[in-house]
Protein backbone atom coordinates (compact mmCIF):
# COMPACT_ATOMS: atom_id res chain seq x y z
CA MET A 1 -13.74 -17.75 54.35
CA THR A 2 -14.55 -15.47 51.42
CA ILE A 3 -12.36 -15.87 48.36
CA TYR A 4 -12.43 -13.29 45.56
CA ARG A 5 -12.07 -15.03 42.19
CA THR A 6 -11.82 -13.89 38.60
CA GLN A 7 -11.31 -15.80 35.39
CA ASP A 8 -7.51 -15.57 35.46
CA SER A 9 -6.65 -15.22 39.15
CA PHE A 10 -7.98 -15.61 42.64
CA PHE A 11 -7.16 -14.03 45.99
CA ASP A 12 -7.45 -15.90 49.26
CA TRP A 13 -8.32 -13.53 52.11
CA SER A 14 -7.55 -16.06 54.85
CA ALA A 15 -3.81 -15.28 55.09
CA LEU A 16 -4.46 -11.53 55.12
CA VAL A 17 -7.17 -11.84 57.76
CA LEU A 18 -4.90 -14.03 59.90
CA PHE A 19 -2.12 -11.45 59.64
CA LEU A 20 -4.48 -8.62 60.61
CA LEU A 21 -5.78 -10.66 63.55
CA THR A 22 -2.19 -11.22 64.69
CA ILE A 23 -1.55 -7.46 64.65
CA LEU A 24 -4.80 -6.84 66.50
CA LEU A 25 -3.94 -9.49 69.10
CA SER A 26 -0.52 -7.95 69.75
CA ILE A 27 -2.14 -4.52 70.23
CA VAL A 28 -4.70 -5.95 72.64
CA ILE A 29 -2.02 -7.72 74.68
CA GLY A 30 0.06 -4.56 74.79
CA LEU A 31 -2.86 -2.40 75.91
CA THR A 32 -3.81 -4.97 78.55
CA TYR A 33 -0.50 -4.71 80.39
CA TYR A 34 0.35 -1.12 79.41
CA PRO A 35 -0.86 0.38 82.74
CA LEU A 36 1.69 -1.76 84.59
CA PHE A 37 4.40 -0.60 82.21
CA VAL A 38 3.52 3.07 82.77
CA CYS A 39 3.25 2.76 86.55
CA LEU A 40 6.74 1.23 86.83
CA THR A 41 8.32 4.53 85.69
CA PRO A 42 6.28 7.06 87.66
CA SER A 43 6.57 10.81 87.66
CA LEU A 44 4.00 11.04 90.46
CA ARG A 45 4.82 8.11 92.70
CA PHE A 46 1.69 8.27 94.86
CA VAL A 47 -0.76 8.25 91.95
CA HIS A 48 1.10 5.68 89.83
CA SER A 49 1.83 3.34 92.73
CA THR A 50 -1.85 3.40 93.75
CA ILE A 51 -3.03 2.65 90.21
CA GLY A 52 -0.37 -0.03 89.75
CA LEU A 53 -1.23 -1.70 93.03
CA GLY A 54 -4.92 -1.85 92.17
CA TYR A 55 -4.36 -3.06 88.60
CA SER A 56 -1.83 -5.76 89.53
CA THR A 57 -4.06 -6.94 92.38
CA LEU A 58 -7.01 -7.16 89.99
CA TRP A 59 -5.06 -9.30 87.53
CA LEU A 60 -3.70 -11.42 90.36
CA GLY A 61 -7.24 -12.12 91.52
CA LEU A 62 -8.45 -13.01 88.02
CA THR A 63 -5.50 -15.36 87.48
CA SER A 64 -6.03 -17.05 90.85
CA LEU A 65 -9.74 -17.47 90.02
CA ARG A 66 -8.82 -19.14 86.74
CA ILE A 67 -6.46 -21.53 88.52
CA GLN A 68 -9.20 -22.31 91.05
CA ILE A 69 -11.54 -23.23 88.19
CA TYR A 70 -8.92 -25.63 86.80
CA VAL A 71 -8.47 -27.20 90.23
CA LYS A 72 -12.21 -27.78 90.61
CA CYS A 73 -12.31 -29.47 87.20
CA TYR A 74 -9.24 -31.53 88.09
CA LYS A 75 -11.07 -34.83 88.55
CA GLN A 76 -13.46 -34.29 85.66
CA SER A 77 -10.88 -33.78 82.93
CA GLU A 78 -7.60 -35.38 81.94
CA TRP A 79 -5.22 -34.99 84.87
CA MET A 80 -2.10 -34.39 82.80
CA LEU A 81 -3.57 -31.58 80.69
CA THR A 82 -5.15 -29.95 83.76
CA GLY A 83 -1.91 -30.08 85.72
CA THR A 84 -0.09 -28.59 82.73
CA LEU A 85 -2.47 -25.65 82.56
CA ILE A 86 -2.07 -24.97 86.27
CA ALA A 87 1.74 -25.16 86.05
CA MET A 88 1.79 -22.75 83.09
CA TYR A 89 0.11 -20.03 85.18
CA ILE A 90 2.66 -20.20 88.01
CA PRO A 91 5.10 -17.64 86.45
CA GLN A 92 2.24 -15.22 85.79
CA VAL A 93 1.08 -15.46 89.40
CA VAL A 94 4.64 -14.95 90.69
CA CYS A 95 5.20 -11.90 88.45
CA LEU A 96 1.89 -10.31 89.39
CA LEU A 97 2.59 -10.94 93.07
CA TYR A 98 6.01 -9.32 92.71
CA LEU A 99 4.48 -6.27 90.98
CA ALA A 100 1.80 -5.93 93.66
CA LEU A 101 4.42 -6.03 96.42
CA ARG A 102 6.61 -3.56 94.53
CA PHE A 103 3.76 -1.08 94.09
CA LEU A 104 2.83 -1.54 97.74
CA TYR A 105 6.42 -0.75 98.75
CA MET A 106 6.43 2.33 96.48
CA LEU A 107 3.17 3.52 98.02
CA ALA A 108 4.41 2.99 101.58
CA THR A 109 7.71 4.80 100.96
CA ASP A 110 5.89 7.64 99.20
CA ILE A 111 3.54 8.10 102.17
CA LYS A 112 6.54 8.10 104.50
CA HIS A 113 8.39 10.71 102.42
CA THR A 114 5.21 12.80 102.21
CA PHE A 115 4.94 13.01 106.01
CA HIS A 116 8.62 13.97 106.26
CA ALA A 117 8.16 16.60 103.55
CA TYR A 118 5.14 18.14 105.27
CA ARG A 119 7.17 18.41 108.45
CA ASN A 120 9.88 20.27 106.53
CA GLY A 121 7.39 22.70 105.05
CA HIS A 122 6.98 21.32 101.50
CA THR A 123 3.44 21.08 100.18
CA GLY A 124 1.95 19.78 96.93
CA CYS A 125 2.41 16.53 95.06
CA ILE A 126 4.24 18.18 92.17
CA GLU A 127 6.80 19.76 94.49
CA LEU A 128 7.31 16.47 96.31
CA ALA A 129 7.78 14.61 93.03
CA VAL A 130 10.37 17.13 91.85
CA LEU A 131 12.26 16.91 95.12
CA ASP A 132 12.22 13.12 95.04
CA LYS A 133 13.42 13.02 91.42
CA ALA A 134 16.20 15.50 92.11
CA LYS A 135 17.30 13.49 95.13
CA ASN A 136 17.30 9.98 93.66
CA ASP A 137 17.66 10.43 89.90
CA ARG A 138 21.18 10.33 88.51
CA LEU A 139 22.26 9.78 84.92
CA ALA A 140 25.23 7.45 85.58
CA ASN A 141 25.05 4.33 87.71
CA ALA A 142 27.80 2.89 89.91
CA LYS A 143 29.01 0.39 87.29
CA GLN A 144 29.45 3.08 84.64
CA ILE A 145 31.41 5.27 87.04
CA GLN A 146 33.56 2.26 87.96
CA HIS A 147 34.19 1.59 84.27
CA VAL A 148 35.46 5.13 83.71
CA ARG A 149 37.71 4.97 86.77
CA MET A 150 39.25 1.70 85.61
CA LEU A 151 40.19 3.32 82.29
CA PHE A 152 42.82 5.32 84.18
CA LEU A 153 44.36 2.20 85.71
CA LYS A 154 46.94 -0.07 84.14
CA PRO A 155 45.18 -3.07 82.56
CA ASP A 156 45.88 -6.45 84.10
CA ASN A 157 46.68 -8.89 81.29
CA SER A 158 47.80 -11.75 83.50
CA THR A 159 46.07 -15.08 82.92
CA SER A 160 45.17 -17.30 85.80
CA PRO A 161 45.17 -21.11 85.62
CA GLY A 162 42.01 -23.04 85.08
CA GLN A 163 40.71 -21.12 82.07
CA PHE A 164 37.87 -23.57 81.45
CA ILE A 165 36.62 -23.24 85.03
CA ASN A 166 36.92 -19.45 84.82
CA LYS A 167 34.90 -19.38 81.59
CA LEU A 168 32.26 -21.60 83.16
CA LEU A 169 32.01 -19.37 86.23
CA ASP A 170 32.03 -16.33 83.97
CA THR A 171 29.04 -17.72 82.11
CA ILE A 172 27.13 -18.49 85.30
CA GLN A 173 27.86 -15.18 87.06
CA LEU A 174 27.12 -13.06 83.96
CA SER A 175 29.60 -10.38 85.11
CA TYR A 176 27.57 -9.26 88.10
CA LYS A 177 30.63 -9.33 90.35
CA LYS A 178 31.46 -6.16 92.21
CA GLU A 179 34.89 -5.78 90.63
CA ARG A 180 33.53 -5.98 87.07
CA PRO A 181 32.42 -2.63 85.65
CA PHE A 182 29.49 -3.89 83.58
CA ARG A 183 25.76 -3.98 84.09
CA TYR A 184 23.14 -5.22 81.68
CA SER A 185 20.60 -2.65 80.60
CA ARG A 186 17.01 -3.02 81.71
CA ARG A 187 15.89 -3.84 78.20
CA VAL A 188 18.31 -6.76 78.02
CA VAL A 189 17.30 -8.06 81.45
CA VAL A 190 13.61 -7.85 80.59
CA THR A 191 14.11 -9.55 77.21
CA PHE A 192 15.91 -12.57 78.62
CA THR A 193 13.67 -12.80 81.67
CA VAL A 194 10.70 -13.10 79.32
CA ALA A 195 12.68 -15.63 77.28
CA LEU A 196 13.26 -17.80 80.37
CA LEU A 197 9.58 -17.57 81.34
CA CYS A 198 8.55 -18.55 77.79
CA LEU A 199 11.00 -21.46 77.90
CA TYR A 200 9.41 -22.65 81.14
CA GLN A 201 5.87 -22.44 79.79
CA VAL A 202 6.72 -24.14 76.49
CA THR A 203 8.57 -26.92 78.32
CA VAL A 204 5.65 -27.52 80.67
CA SER A 205 3.15 -27.55 77.81
CA VAL A 206 5.24 -29.93 75.69
CA PHE A 207 5.80 -32.19 78.69
CA GLY A 208 2.08 -32.33 79.52
CA VAL A 209 0.82 -32.79 75.97
CA GLY A 210 3.57 -35.28 75.11
CA THR A 211 2.96 -37.37 78.23
CA TYR A 212 -0.78 -37.37 77.53
CA GLU A 213 -0.20 -38.53 73.93
CA ILE A 214 2.18 -41.29 75.07
CA ILE A 215 -0.38 -42.57 77.57
CA SER A 216 -3.07 -42.48 74.88
CA LEU A 217 -0.75 -44.32 72.46
CA ALA A 218 -0.07 -47.01 75.06
CA GLU A 219 -3.80 -47.54 75.58
CA PHE A 220 -4.37 -47.65 71.83
CA VAL A 221 -1.57 -50.20 71.27
CA ASP A 222 -2.83 -52.39 74.13
CA ASN A 223 -6.31 -52.51 72.58
CA LEU A 224 -5.02 -53.67 69.19
CA GLU A 225 -5.14 -57.34 68.27
CA PHE A 226 -2.09 -58.75 66.51
CA LYS A 227 -3.52 -62.07 65.39
CA ASN A 228 -2.18 -61.95 61.83
CA SER A 229 0.97 -59.94 62.49
CA SER A 230 3.40 -61.59 64.84
CA VAL A 231 6.15 -59.09 63.95
CA LEU A 232 4.13 -56.14 65.21
CA PHE A 233 3.18 -58.07 68.33
CA GLU A 234 6.85 -58.83 69.00
CA PHE A 235 8.09 -55.28 68.57
CA LYS A 236 5.21 -53.30 70.04
CA ASP A 237 6.77 -53.14 73.54
CA GLU A 238 10.16 -52.12 72.19
CA PHE A 239 8.55 -49.50 69.95
CA TYR A 240 6.61 -48.00 72.85
CA ASP A 241 9.71 -47.94 75.09
CA VAL A 242 11.79 -46.32 72.34
CA LEU A 243 9.21 -43.58 71.78
CA THR A 244 8.88 -42.90 75.51
CA VAL A 245 12.61 -42.74 76.21
CA SER A 246 13.28 -40.73 73.04
CA PHE A 247 10.64 -38.17 73.94
CA TYR A 248 11.88 -37.54 77.48
CA VAL A 249 15.55 -37.51 76.44
CA SER A 250 14.83 -35.05 73.61
CA LEU A 251 12.77 -32.88 75.99
CA ILE A 252 15.60 -32.73 78.54
CA LEU A 253 18.29 -32.05 75.94
CA ALA A 254 16.24 -29.36 74.18
CA THR A 255 15.46 -27.62 77.47
CA LEU A 256 19.09 -27.66 78.59
CA LEU A 257 20.34 -26.47 75.21
CA SER A 258 17.83 -23.61 75.08
CA GLY A 259 18.64 -22.54 78.65
CA ILE A 260 22.38 -22.62 77.97
CA SER A 261 21.82 -20.68 74.73
CA ILE A 262 20.06 -17.89 76.63
CA PHE A 263 22.97 -17.46 79.05
CA GLN A 264 25.50 -17.75 76.22
CA ILE A 265 23.72 -14.96 74.35
CA MET A 266 23.97 -12.77 77.46
CA VAL A 267 27.70 -13.50 77.76
CA SER A 268 28.18 -12.79 74.05
CA TYR A 269 26.27 -9.52 74.41
CA ARG A 270 28.54 -8.48 77.29
CA ARG A 271 31.72 -9.31 75.35
CA ASN A 272 30.49 -7.46 72.26
CA MET A 273 29.56 -4.40 74.28
CA MET A 274 32.91 -4.36 76.08
CA ALA A 275 34.66 -4.58 72.69
CA LEU A 276 32.58 -1.69 71.38
CA TYR A 277 33.42 0.32 74.51
CA ARG A 278 37.09 -0.15 73.64
CA GLY A 279 36.50 1.09 70.08
CA ASP A 280 36.71 -2.38 68.51
CA PHE A 281 33.96 -2.44 65.85
CA SER A 282 34.97 -5.79 64.37
CA VAL A 283 31.90 -7.37 65.99
CA ILE A 284 29.72 -5.35 63.60
CA PRO A 285 29.80 -6.25 59.88
CA ASN A 286 31.00 -3.51 57.58
CA GLU A 287 27.69 -3.35 55.71
CA ALA A 288 25.74 -3.01 58.96
CA TYR A 289 28.08 -0.34 60.32
CA HIS A 290 27.39 1.95 57.35
CA GLN A 291 23.60 1.64 57.49
CA SER A 292 21.45 4.73 57.94
CA ALA A 293 20.22 5.74 61.37
CA ILE A 294 16.61 5.05 60.36
CA THR A 295 17.43 1.46 59.39
CA VAL A 296 19.34 0.90 62.63
CA MET A 297 16.46 2.32 64.65
CA ILE A 298 13.87 0.07 62.94
CA ASP A 299 16.00 -3.10 63.24
CA ASN A 300 16.76 -2.27 66.87
CA LEU A 301 13.04 -2.32 67.67
CA HIS A 302 12.83 -5.83 66.18
CA TYR A 303 15.42 -7.42 68.45
CA PRO A 304 13.48 -8.37 71.65
CA GLY A 305 10.63 -9.98 69.69
CA TYR A 306 13.00 -11.66 67.24
CA GLN A 307 15.10 -13.10 70.06
CA ILE A 308 12.16 -14.73 71.83
CA ALA A 309 10.65 -16.00 68.56
CA TYR A 310 13.95 -17.53 67.41
CA LEU A 311 14.42 -19.21 70.79
CA PHE A 312 10.87 -20.60 70.60
CA TRP A 313 11.30 -22.09 67.14
CA GLY A 314 14.78 -23.29 68.04
CA TYR A 315 13.33 -25.16 71.01
CA LEU A 316 10.72 -26.91 68.87
CA ILE A 317 13.31 -27.79 66.21
CA HIS A 318 15.65 -29.15 68.90
CA ILE A 319 12.93 -31.45 70.25
CA ASP A 320 12.09 -32.82 66.80
CA VAL A 321 15.71 -33.34 65.77
CA PHE A 322 16.73 -34.92 69.09
CA PHE A 323 13.67 -37.18 69.01
CA ILE A 324 14.50 -38.45 65.51
CA ALA A 325 18.17 -38.88 66.46
CA CYS A 326 17.26 -40.86 69.59
CA VAL A 327 14.98 -43.19 67.61
CA LEU A 328 17.69 -43.77 64.98
CA ILE A 329 20.35 -44.42 67.61
CA ALA A 330 18.04 -46.82 69.40
CA TYR A 331 17.23 -48.90 66.30
CA LEU A 332 20.63 -48.64 64.58
CA VAL A 333 22.95 -49.05 67.59
CA VAL A 334 21.39 -49.88 70.97
CA LEU A 335 18.69 -52.45 70.14
CA PRO A 336 20.86 -54.49 67.71
CA ILE A 337 23.59 -54.73 70.38
CA LEU A 338 21.01 -55.81 72.99
CA GLY A 339 19.59 -58.38 70.56
CA LYS A 340 16.11 -56.87 70.48
CA VAL A 341 16.21 -56.33 66.68
CA PRO A 342 18.13 -58.15 63.87
CA LEU A 343 21.82 -57.37 63.50
CA GLY A 344 21.17 -56.04 60.00
CA PHE A 345 20.11 -52.76 61.59
CA LEU A 346 23.67 -52.39 62.88
CA GLN A 347 25.25 -52.46 59.41
CA PRO A 348 25.16 -48.67 58.71
CA PHE A 349 26.80 -47.96 62.07
CA LEU A 350 29.54 -50.54 61.46
CA THR A 351 30.20 -49.12 58.00
CA LEU A 352 30.51 -45.60 59.40
CA VAL A 353 32.88 -46.71 62.16
CA SER A 354 35.12 -48.74 59.82
CA THR A 355 35.45 -46.00 57.17
CA THR A 356 36.13 -43.39 59.83
CA ALA A 357 38.83 -45.57 61.39
CA ILE A 358 40.54 -46.07 57.99
CA ARG A 359 40.44 -42.34 57.28
CA LEU A 360 41.96 -41.54 60.68
CA LEU A 361 44.69 -44.12 60.07
CA ILE A 362 45.57 -42.52 56.72
CA ASN A 363 45.74 -39.09 58.39
CA ILE A 364 48.07 -40.45 61.07
CA VAL A 365 50.35 -41.91 58.38
CA GLN A 366 50.37 -38.58 56.53
CA LYS A 367 51.32 -36.72 59.70
CA PHE A 368 54.14 -39.17 60.40
CA ILE A 369 55.53 -38.85 56.85
CA SER A 370 55.26 -35.06 56.95
CA LYS A 371 57.08 -34.87 60.26
CA ARG A 372 59.75 -37.44 59.40
CA TRP A 373 60.61 -36.81 55.73
CA LEU A 374 58.90 -33.70 54.35
CA LEU A 375 59.65 -30.91 56.87
CA HIS A 376 63.01 -29.71 58.18
CA ASP A 377 63.91 -30.77 61.69
CA HIS A 378 63.75 -27.26 63.16
CA ASP A 379 61.41 -26.44 66.04
CA VAL A 380 60.05 -23.00 66.88
CA LEU A 381 57.84 -21.85 69.72
CA ASN A 382 54.22 -21.32 68.77
CA THR A 383 53.13 -18.19 70.64
CA GLU A 384 49.44 -19.13 70.47
CA THR A 385 49.69 -22.67 71.89
CA GLY A 386 52.95 -22.28 73.84
CA LYS A 387 54.35 -25.50 72.32
CA ASN A 388 57.19 -26.23 69.91
CA ASP A 389 56.19 -26.78 66.29
CA LYS A 390 57.94 -27.61 63.03
CA VAL A 391 59.02 -24.87 60.65
CA LEU A 392 56.96 -24.84 57.44
CA SER A 393 59.90 -25.57 55.16
CA LEU A 394 60.25 -28.49 52.70
CA LYS A 395 63.17 -30.87 53.12
CA ASN A 396 62.43 -33.48 50.44
CA ARG A 397 60.72 -32.01 47.40
CA ASP A 398 60.66 -35.28 45.40
CA THR A 399 58.77 -37.13 48.13
CA TYR A 400 56.40 -34.19 48.47
CA HIS A 401 55.55 -34.14 44.74
CA ASN A 402 55.06 -37.92 44.65
CA MET A 403 52.68 -37.80 47.61
CA ALA A 404 50.80 -34.87 46.10
CA TYR A 405 50.38 -36.83 42.84
CA PHE A 406 48.85 -39.93 44.45
CA MET A 407 46.82 -37.96 47.01
CA PHE A 408 45.29 -35.99 44.14
CA PHE A 409 43.31 -38.99 42.88
CA TYR A 410 42.59 -40.29 46.36
CA TYR A 411 41.02 -37.07 47.61
CA ILE A 412 38.92 -36.64 44.48
CA LEU A 413 37.11 -39.87 45.39
CA ILE A 414 37.05 -39.06 49.10
CA ALA A 415 35.76 -35.52 48.54
CA LEU A 416 32.75 -36.86 46.63
CA ILE A 417 31.56 -38.23 49.97
CA ARG A 418 33.16 -35.69 52.28
CA CYS A 419 31.47 -32.78 50.52
CA LEU A 420 28.17 -34.12 51.82
CA MET A 421 29.52 -33.70 55.34
CA ARG A 422 29.67 -29.97 54.69
CA ILE A 423 25.90 -29.98 54.30
CA VAL A 424 25.48 -32.19 57.36
CA LYS A 425 27.69 -29.94 59.49
CA ALA A 426 25.88 -26.83 58.28
CA VAL A 427 22.52 -28.41 59.17
CA VAL A 428 23.76 -29.53 62.60
CA LEU A 429 25.21 -26.12 63.47
CA GLY A 430 22.13 -24.40 62.10
CA VAL A 431 19.88 -26.54 64.30
CA ILE A 432 21.99 -26.18 67.45
CA LEU A 433 22.57 -22.43 67.07
CA PHE A 434 19.18 -21.58 65.61
CA GLY A 435 18.09 -19.54 68.64
CA ARG A 436 21.38 -17.65 68.92
CA ILE A 437 20.89 -14.60 66.71
CA ASP A 438 24.06 -13.09 68.18
CA ARG A 439 25.81 -15.22 65.54
CA SER A 440 24.96 -15.03 61.87
CA GLY A 441 23.73 -18.26 60.32
CA LEU A 442 25.07 -17.16 56.92
CA MET A 443 28.63 -17.00 55.66
CA HIS A 444 30.81 -13.90 55.75
CA GLY A 445 29.60 -11.21 53.38
CA PHE A 446 25.95 -12.28 53.53
CA GLU A 447 25.21 -11.30 57.15
CA THR A 448 22.79 -8.58 56.03
CA TRP A 449 20.47 -11.29 54.69
CA ASP A 450 20.03 -12.64 58.23
CA THR A 451 17.28 -10.41 59.66
CA GLY A 452 17.66 -11.77 63.19
CA TYR A 453 21.40 -11.09 63.27
CA MET A 454 20.92 -7.60 61.83
CA ALA A 455 18.37 -6.87 64.57
CA TYR A 456 20.96 -7.91 67.18
CA VAL A 457 23.68 -5.78 65.57
CA SER A 458 21.38 -2.76 65.41
CA PHE A 459 20.50 -3.30 69.06
CA LEU A 460 24.22 -3.24 69.92
CA GLN A 461 24.68 0.03 68.09
CA MET A 462 21.71 1.60 69.85
CA GLU A 463 22.99 0.43 73.24
CA LEU A 464 26.47 1.78 72.42
CA VAL A 465 25.23 5.23 71.44
CA HIS A 466 22.99 5.70 74.48
CA CYS A 467 24.67 3.58 77.20
CA HIS A 468 28.40 4.11 76.66
CA PRO A 469 29.86 4.57 80.19
CA VAL A 470 32.27 7.36 79.19
CA LEU A 471 29.50 9.30 77.46
CA VAL A 472 26.99 8.79 80.28
CA VAL A 473 29.47 9.71 83.02
CA PHE A 474 30.62 12.75 81.04
CA CYS A 475 27.03 13.98 80.63
CA ASP A 476 26.37 13.23 84.29
CA GLN A 477 29.31 15.40 85.31
CA LEU A 478 28.18 18.20 83.00
CA LEU A 479 24.69 18.17 84.50
CA LYS A 480 26.11 18.04 87.99
CA ARG A 481 28.53 20.94 87.46
CA SER A 482 26.45 23.22 85.25
CA SER A 483 24.34 24.60 88.09
CA ALA A 484 24.70 28.33 88.81
CA GLY A 485 26.96 28.76 85.78
CA THR A 486 30.05 27.44 87.55
CA VAL A 487 32.57 24.78 86.63
CA GLN A 488 34.17 22.52 89.22
CA VAL A 489 37.93 22.63 88.62
CA PRO A 490 39.97 20.10 90.65
CA MET A 491 43.38 21.39 91.72
CA HIS A 492 46.35 20.22 93.76
CA ASN A 493 46.83 23.52 95.54
CA THR A 494 44.44 26.44 95.69
CA ASN A 495 47.30 28.91 96.38
CA ASN A 496 48.43 28.68 92.75
CA LEU A 497 45.19 30.29 91.50
CA PRO A 498 43.46 33.62 92.13
CA ASN A 499 40.38 33.61 94.31
CA HIS A 500 37.94 35.02 91.75
CA THR A 501 38.88 33.92 88.22
CA ARG A 502 41.40 31.80 86.40
CA SER A 503 44.09 33.86 84.70
CA ARG A 504 44.48 33.64 80.92
CA THR A 505 48.20 33.02 81.41
CA THR A 506 47.70 29.74 83.29
CA SER A 507 50.18 27.20 81.90
CA LYS A 508 48.94 24.19 79.95
CA GLU A 509 50.94 21.83 82.16
CA GLU A 510 49.15 23.07 85.27
CA LEU A 511 45.77 22.77 83.59
CA LEU A 512 46.64 19.31 82.31
CA THR A 513 47.64 18.14 85.77
CA SER A 514 44.59 19.60 87.45
CA SER A 515 42.15 18.16 84.91
CA SER A 516 43.61 14.68 84.53
CA VAL A 517 44.72 13.69 88.01
CA GLY A 518 42.40 15.54 90.30
CA HIS A 519 39.07 14.02 89.31
CA TYR A 520 39.95 10.33 89.17
CA GLY A 521 43.35 10.15 90.82
CA THR A 522 44.14 9.64 94.46
CA SER A 523 46.61 12.52 94.89
CA CYS A 524 44.03 15.32 94.66
CA ASN A 525 43.68 17.13 97.98
CA VAL A 526 41.47 20.17 97.38
CA THR A 527 38.63 20.89 94.94
CA ALA A 528 37.70 24.53 94.37
CA SER A 529 34.57 25.87 92.73
CA ILE A 530 35.35 29.09 90.83
CA ASP A 531 33.69 31.18 88.14
CA ILE A 532 35.44 30.96 84.77
CA PRO A 533 34.72 33.65 82.16
CA LYS A 534 33.11 32.50 78.94
CA TYR A 535 36.25 33.01 76.85
CA ASN A 536 38.50 31.12 79.27
CA ARG A 537 35.92 28.34 79.65
CA ARG A 538 36.00 27.78 75.87
CA ILE A 539 39.80 27.47 75.95
CA HIS A 540 39.56 25.14 78.93
CA ASN A 541 37.10 22.84 77.16
CA ARG A 542 39.12 22.79 73.93
CA TRP A 543 42.27 21.85 75.81
CA LEU A 544 40.46 19.02 77.57
CA LYS A 545 39.21 17.80 74.19
CA VAL A 546 42.75 17.81 72.72
CA TYR A 547 44.10 16.01 75.76
CA THR A 548 41.39 13.35 75.55
CA LEU A 549 42.07 12.71 71.85
CA LEU A 550 45.83 12.48 72.45
CA ARG A 551 45.36 9.94 75.23
CA ASN A 552 42.75 7.94 73.22
CA PRO A 553 43.93 7.67 69.57
CA SER A 554 41.19 5.15 68.78
CA LEU A 555 38.57 7.91 69.16
CA VAL A 556 40.08 9.77 66.20
CA HIS A 557 39.30 6.89 63.81
CA CYS A 558 35.74 6.25 65.06
């Protein structure tokens, strides 16, 4: 590697070249699969489905050929590494097979629609594409329409028993029930599908490489001669067993934790979006909410890549931390109890248990004294827990001041040790929640320093602006009703209106009833399509705007 040097400084080109190669590699990967991306959103279904079918079939054949090469070399190379490579290509084969079948289905349906169109007198691919788009393309989906309809219903605030079970089922189902008006956007689904596939491939690779290294370590330890070291000879079996068990336990725990984190992020995303739909912007930090549109746009583009990268590094950190913890637990707790190692290894654990027990005993005594002598004997209902609690009112001030005096010196000495637990807790939470960028790893007021969290927040804002159900359904209705310059006006009775135009003297109450109940309510009987003059249409729209703001005060403060 070339290094440019002067008398006072030097510049190493290796880091810059590696960064440029990373950018080039990402461009190459993107261009490799870009035809599949384009063909999934076709404007000309016949052409794009044909190209997509051929391209996906080509990649499927190349991937199968590569797997066949690995299978032929199965007996000549290390079996664990070869099996790992084959297992890592399974998701790619499944995805390519799914794409090939999807493009084949698109091609078959397009040929079928083409024959039907020719029978009806339509000719030309462009005309057929326009007809197909006009027939199937709609701005709002069923879940968004359901969300808007539920806004006109009385909310059900009743709580059912078994909240823990309901939360668990809620996490598993991810709100894809029919009665829940929420659907994840395609970008979210694609991001977390790729995250699950990456988790599978990383788990398989770590399992294969780790198992291969353990087998190699066992062969290396068996070939060693412990003539002059009886201690190593005595503990070599225990050491090998500890490493093996620790590795597999850490692998299982890290995989489960990463998988649960992915689903928890999806649940958190749904809750945040539902809060934003209601006008609750507390999920977005104040500094992030007042960022410029350019900054939000740039950070929003970072989110999918950031999420997968954070989950990847979180998985590796989980394995390392769990592995070290398992080894420490084995040598400091399990093996001393089983008598495999001297009892001196158990001393730190016994010290921790004894000091913790004494501290808990002191806390119990403090609670008893506070309940018996310091607080008044008046109970009130705690609305949050539903249980009776003591009123925060002193009964014996002398006892309180005496306890505060002696506890002052006691907690100075205790806090010298307890303050270290703050660091330990921060490290533990940081390790466990490392992959969850839906939560900031920094304290309140410093969230903008967390680039991953800011990418997630910007992604929420972008999703809110472009996927809000009320906005999408409103635009869908405008597009649907703007044809031929007419406006669809729902009414209870067509006899109350003229046949050609709406009169300028129509009462506001009648307009309010026709516009609020007819479209979403169940009491609307007749819907008439009439031509409204431009002046009256402006008054009609302004009145609907005033009515909407009066019924939704939160929109005024947005």
